[in-house]
N, C-alpha and C. Protein backbone atom coordinates (compact mmCIF):
# COMPACT_ATOMS: atom_id res chain seq x y z
N MET A 1 -9.08 3.14 -10.38
CA MET A 1 -9.60 3.64 -9.14
C MET A 1 -9.67 5.16 -9.25
N THR A 2 -10.71 5.72 -8.67
CA THR A 2 -10.84 7.18 -8.71
C THR A 2 -10.02 7.79 -7.58
N ALA A 3 -9.78 9.09 -7.68
CA ALA A 3 -9.05 9.78 -6.62
C ALA A 3 -9.83 9.69 -5.31
N GLY A 4 -11.15 9.79 -5.39
CA GLY A 4 -11.98 9.67 -4.19
C GLY A 4 -11.85 8.30 -3.55
N ASP A 5 -11.86 7.26 -4.38
CA ASP A 5 -11.68 5.90 -3.87
C ASP A 5 -10.32 5.75 -3.20
N LEU A 6 -9.31 6.32 -3.83
CA LEU A 6 -7.96 6.25 -3.29
C LEU A 6 -7.88 7.00 -1.95
N ALA A 7 -8.53 8.15 -1.87
CA ALA A 7 -8.54 8.92 -0.63
C ALA A 7 -9.18 8.11 0.50
N ILE A 8 -10.28 7.43 0.19
CA ILE A 8 -10.94 6.59 1.20
C ILE A 8 -10.02 5.45 1.62
N LYS A 9 -9.43 4.79 0.64
CA LYS A 9 -8.55 3.66 0.94
C LYS A 9 -7.36 4.08 1.80
N GLU A 10 -6.79 5.23 1.49
CA GLU A 10 -5.61 5.72 2.22
C GLU A 10 -5.98 6.53 3.46
N GLN A 11 -7.29 6.71 3.70
CA GLN A 11 -7.81 7.43 4.85
C GLN A 11 -7.28 8.86 4.94
N VAL A 12 -7.36 9.54 3.81
CA VAL A 12 -6.99 10.96 3.76
C VAL A 12 -8.12 11.73 3.10
N ARG A 13 -8.09 13.02 3.24
CA ARG A 13 -9.12 13.87 2.63
C ARG A 13 -8.84 14.03 1.14
N PRO A 14 -9.90 14.19 0.34
CA PRO A 14 -9.72 14.34 -1.11
C PRO A 14 -8.72 15.42 -1.52
N PRO A 15 -8.72 16.62 -0.87
CA PRO A 15 -7.71 17.61 -1.29
C PRO A 15 -6.28 17.12 -1.08
N SER A 16 -6.06 16.34 -0.03
CA SER A 16 -4.72 15.82 0.23
C SER A 16 -4.31 14.84 -0.85
N ILE A 17 -5.22 13.95 -1.24
CA ILE A 17 -4.88 12.96 -2.26
C ILE A 17 -4.68 13.64 -3.61
N THR A 18 -5.40 14.72 -3.86
CA THR A 18 -5.23 15.46 -5.11
C THR A 18 -3.82 16.02 -5.21
N ARG A 19 -3.32 16.59 -4.10
CA ARG A 19 -1.95 17.13 -4.10
C ARG A 19 -0.93 16.02 -4.33
N VAL A 20 -1.14 14.88 -3.68
CA VAL A 20 -0.22 13.75 -3.85
C VAL A 20 -0.25 13.27 -5.29
N LEU A 21 -1.45 13.13 -5.86
CA LEU A 21 -1.57 12.67 -7.24
C LEU A 21 -0.96 13.66 -8.22
N ASP A 22 -1.12 14.95 -7.95
CA ASP A 22 -0.49 15.96 -8.82
C ASP A 22 1.02 15.75 -8.86
N ARG A 23 1.59 15.52 -7.69
CA ARG A 23 3.05 15.31 -7.60
C ARG A 23 3.46 14.01 -8.30
N LEU A 24 2.73 12.93 -8.03
CA LEU A 24 3.05 11.64 -8.65
C LEU A 24 2.88 11.70 -10.17
N GLU A 25 1.87 12.42 -10.62
CA GLU A 25 1.66 12.57 -12.06
C GLU A 25 2.81 13.38 -12.68
N GLY A 26 3.26 14.40 -11.97
CA GLY A 26 4.39 15.20 -12.45
C GLY A 26 5.67 14.38 -12.57
N LEU A 27 5.79 13.36 -11.73
CA LEU A 27 6.95 12.46 -11.78
C LEU A 27 6.72 11.29 -12.73
N ARG A 28 5.59 11.27 -13.39
CA ARG A 28 5.19 10.22 -14.34
C ARG A 28 5.06 8.85 -13.68
N LEU A 29 4.65 8.85 -12.40
CA LEU A 29 4.46 7.60 -11.68
C LEU A 29 3.01 7.11 -11.75
N VAL A 30 2.09 8.04 -11.97
CA VAL A 30 0.68 7.70 -12.19
C VAL A 30 0.17 8.54 -13.35
N GLU A 31 -0.95 8.11 -13.88
CA GLU A 31 -1.62 8.93 -14.90
C GLU A 31 -3.11 8.95 -14.60
N ARG A 32 -3.73 10.02 -14.98
CA ARG A 32 -5.18 10.15 -14.82
C ARG A 32 -5.82 9.88 -16.16
N LEU A 33 -6.85 9.05 -16.11
CA LEU A 33 -7.57 8.67 -17.33
C LEU A 33 -9.05 8.96 -17.16
N GLN A 34 -9.70 9.24 -18.26
CA GLN A 34 -11.15 9.42 -18.24
C GLN A 34 -11.79 8.13 -17.75
N ASN A 35 -12.66 8.22 -16.76
CA ASN A 35 -13.34 7.05 -16.22
C ASN A 35 -14.36 6.56 -17.25
N PRO A 36 -14.22 5.32 -17.74
CA PRO A 36 -15.14 4.83 -18.77
C PRO A 36 -16.58 4.68 -18.27
N ARG A 37 -16.76 4.53 -16.98
CA ARG A 37 -18.12 4.37 -16.43
C ARG A 37 -18.79 5.71 -16.18
N ASP A 38 -18.01 6.74 -15.94
CA ASP A 38 -18.56 8.05 -15.61
C ASP A 38 -17.61 9.11 -16.16
N GLY A 39 -17.98 9.73 -17.26
CA GLY A 39 -17.12 10.71 -17.93
C GLY A 39 -16.79 11.93 -17.08
N ARG A 40 -17.50 12.12 -15.98
CA ARG A 40 -17.23 13.26 -15.10
C ARG A 40 -16.07 12.98 -14.15
N GLN A 41 -15.71 11.71 -14.02
CA GLN A 41 -14.65 11.34 -13.09
C GLN A 41 -13.40 10.91 -13.84
N LEU A 42 -12.28 11.04 -13.14
CA LEU A 42 -11.01 10.56 -13.66
C LEU A 42 -10.58 9.35 -12.84
N SER A 43 -10.02 8.39 -13.52
CA SER A 43 -9.43 7.24 -12.83
C SER A 43 -7.93 7.47 -12.74
N VAL A 44 -7.32 6.87 -11.72
CA VAL A 44 -5.88 6.97 -11.52
C VAL A 44 -5.29 5.59 -11.79
N LYS A 45 -4.23 5.58 -12.59
CA LYS A 45 -3.57 4.33 -12.95
C LYS A 45 -2.08 4.49 -12.76
N ILE A 46 -1.46 3.48 -12.16
CA ILE A 46 -0.02 3.52 -12.01
C ILE A 46 0.63 3.27 -13.37
N THR A 47 1.71 3.99 -13.64
CA THR A 47 2.43 3.82 -14.91
C THR A 47 3.45 2.69 -14.76
N PRO A 48 4.00 2.22 -15.86
CA PRO A 48 5.07 1.23 -15.74
C PRO A 48 6.24 1.74 -14.89
N LEU A 49 6.60 3.01 -15.05
CA LEU A 49 7.65 3.59 -14.22
C LEU A 49 7.25 3.56 -12.75
N GLY A 50 6.00 3.90 -12.47
CA GLY A 50 5.49 3.88 -11.09
C GLY A 50 5.52 2.48 -10.51
N ALA A 51 5.14 1.49 -11.31
CA ALA A 51 5.16 0.10 -10.85
C ALA A 51 6.60 -0.34 -10.55
N ASP A 52 7.53 0.07 -11.39
CA ASP A 52 8.94 -0.26 -11.15
C ASP A 52 9.43 0.38 -9.85
N ARG A 53 9.10 1.65 -9.65
CA ARG A 53 9.52 2.34 -8.44
C ARG A 53 8.90 1.69 -7.20
N MET A 54 7.63 1.29 -7.31
CA MET A 54 6.96 0.64 -6.19
C MET A 54 7.64 -0.69 -5.86
N SER A 55 7.99 -1.45 -6.89
CA SER A 55 8.70 -2.72 -6.67
C SER A 55 10.04 -2.49 -6.00
N GLU A 56 10.77 -1.46 -6.44
CA GLU A 56 12.06 -1.13 -5.84
C GLU A 56 11.89 -0.75 -4.37
N TYR A 57 10.87 0.02 -4.08
CA TYR A 57 10.60 0.46 -2.70
C TYR A 57 10.27 -0.74 -1.82
N ILE A 58 9.42 -1.62 -2.30
CA ILE A 58 9.05 -2.81 -1.53
C ILE A 58 10.27 -3.69 -1.30
N ARG A 59 11.06 -3.89 -2.33
CA ARG A 59 12.26 -4.73 -2.19
C ARG A 59 13.25 -4.11 -1.19
N ALA A 60 13.41 -2.80 -1.20
CA ALA A 60 14.30 -2.13 -0.24
C ALA A 60 13.80 -2.35 1.19
N LYS A 61 12.49 -2.27 1.40
CA LYS A 61 11.93 -2.52 2.73
C LYS A 61 12.15 -3.96 3.15
N GLU A 62 11.98 -4.89 2.21
CA GLU A 62 12.19 -6.30 2.52
C GLU A 62 13.65 -6.58 2.88
N LEU A 63 14.58 -5.97 2.14
CA LEU A 63 16.00 -6.15 2.43
C LEU A 63 16.36 -5.58 3.80
N TRP A 64 15.80 -4.42 4.11
CA TRP A 64 16.04 -3.82 5.42
C TRP A 64 15.57 -4.76 6.52
N LEU A 65 14.36 -5.32 6.38
CA LEU A 65 13.82 -6.22 7.38
C LEU A 65 14.66 -7.49 7.50
N GLU A 66 15.10 -8.02 6.37
CA GLU A 66 15.96 -9.21 6.40
C GLU A 66 17.23 -8.94 7.20
N LYS A 67 17.83 -7.77 6.99
CA LYS A 67 19.05 -7.41 7.73
C LYS A 67 18.78 -7.28 9.22
N GLN A 68 17.63 -6.70 9.57
CA GLN A 68 17.29 -6.54 10.98
C GLN A 68 17.07 -7.90 11.64
N LEU A 69 16.38 -8.79 10.95
CA LEU A 69 16.10 -10.11 11.50
C LEU A 69 17.35 -10.97 11.59
N ALA A 70 18.31 -10.75 10.69
CA ALA A 70 19.52 -11.57 10.64
C ALA A 70 20.35 -11.46 11.92
N VAL A 71 20.26 -10.35 12.61
CA VAL A 71 21.06 -10.18 13.82
C VAL A 71 20.40 -10.82 15.05
N LEU A 72 19.17 -11.29 14.91
CA LEU A 72 18.47 -11.91 16.03
C LEU A 72 18.84 -13.39 16.15
N SER A 73 18.65 -13.92 17.33
CA SER A 73 18.84 -15.36 17.51
C SER A 73 17.78 -16.10 16.69
N SER A 74 18.02 -17.37 16.39
CA SER A 74 17.05 -18.13 15.60
C SER A 74 15.71 -18.22 16.34
N GLU A 75 15.76 -18.29 17.66
CA GLU A 75 14.52 -18.33 18.44
C GLU A 75 13.74 -17.02 18.27
N ASP A 76 14.45 -15.91 18.36
CA ASP A 76 13.79 -14.61 18.18
C ASP A 76 13.32 -14.39 16.75
N GLN A 77 14.02 -14.97 15.78
CA GLN A 77 13.60 -14.85 14.38
C GLN A 77 12.26 -15.54 14.15
N ASP A 78 11.94 -16.55 14.96
CA ASP A 78 10.67 -17.26 14.82
C ASP A 78 9.49 -16.49 15.41
N LEU A 79 9.77 -15.52 16.28
CA LEU A 79 8.70 -14.79 16.96
C LEU A 79 7.73 -14.07 16.03
N PRO A 80 8.20 -13.33 15.00
CA PRO A 80 7.24 -12.65 14.13
C PRO A 80 6.26 -13.62 13.46
N ALA A 81 6.74 -14.77 13.00
CA ALA A 81 5.85 -15.74 12.36
C ALA A 81 4.82 -16.26 13.35
N LYS A 82 5.25 -16.52 14.59
CA LYS A 82 4.32 -16.98 15.62
C LYS A 82 3.29 -15.90 15.94
N ALA A 83 3.74 -14.65 15.98
CA ALA A 83 2.83 -13.55 16.27
C ALA A 83 1.78 -13.41 15.18
N ILE A 84 2.18 -13.58 13.94
CA ILE A 84 1.23 -13.49 12.82
C ILE A 84 0.15 -14.55 12.96
N VAL A 85 0.56 -15.78 13.31
CA VAL A 85 -0.41 -16.86 13.50
C VAL A 85 -1.38 -16.49 14.62
N LEU A 86 -0.86 -15.97 15.73
CA LEU A 86 -1.72 -15.59 16.84
C LEU A 86 -2.68 -14.47 16.46
N PHE A 87 -2.19 -13.46 15.74
CA PHE A 87 -3.06 -12.37 15.31
C PHE A 87 -4.14 -12.86 14.35
N ASP A 88 -3.78 -13.78 13.46
CA ASP A 88 -4.77 -14.37 12.56
C ASP A 88 -5.85 -15.10 13.34
N GLN A 89 -5.44 -15.84 14.37
CA GLN A 89 -6.40 -16.56 15.21
C GLN A 89 -7.32 -15.58 15.94
N LEU A 90 -6.73 -14.51 16.48
CA LEU A 90 -7.55 -13.50 17.16
C LEU A 90 -8.55 -12.86 16.21
N ALA A 91 -8.09 -12.56 15.02
CA ALA A 91 -8.98 -11.93 14.03
C ALA A 91 -10.10 -12.88 13.66
N ALA A 92 -9.78 -14.16 13.46
CA ALA A 92 -10.80 -15.14 13.09
C ALA A 92 -11.82 -15.32 14.22
N ASN A 93 -11.35 -15.29 15.46
CA ASN A 93 -12.24 -15.47 16.61
C ASN A 93 -13.12 -14.25 16.87
N SER A 94 -12.63 -13.09 16.47
CA SER A 94 -13.39 -11.86 16.78
C SER A 94 -14.25 -11.39 15.63
N SER A 95 -14.13 -12.00 14.45
CA SER A 95 -14.93 -11.52 13.31
C SER A 95 -16.41 -11.69 13.62
N GLY A 96 -17.12 -10.57 13.46
CA GLY A 96 -18.55 -10.57 13.72
C GLY A 96 -18.92 -10.39 15.17
N HIS A 97 -17.94 -10.18 16.05
CA HIS A 97 -18.20 -9.99 17.48
C HIS A 97 -17.67 -8.64 17.93
N GLU A 98 -18.40 -7.60 17.62
CA GLU A 98 -17.94 -6.26 18.01
C GLU A 98 -18.70 -5.76 19.20
């Protein structure tokens, strides 16, 4: 993915994503590679270290959520799953109707 593509995906301006990528590259979490389709552009690729860090971050968030849900009653623990089903239904019903 190019830095421009990443900026669009993350909904930030290109200069902002450039600063973030500079920092991530300095930490060896991403690397910039020559874009094989367009030699004028650079592609951004996550490194193995970056993938490991991302997995650790996701797992920490999941553990935090598990701990938060554990203190709820079993009835309340079911609410997020029910809400997801309802939101999926709303999204399916509204697709193409703006």
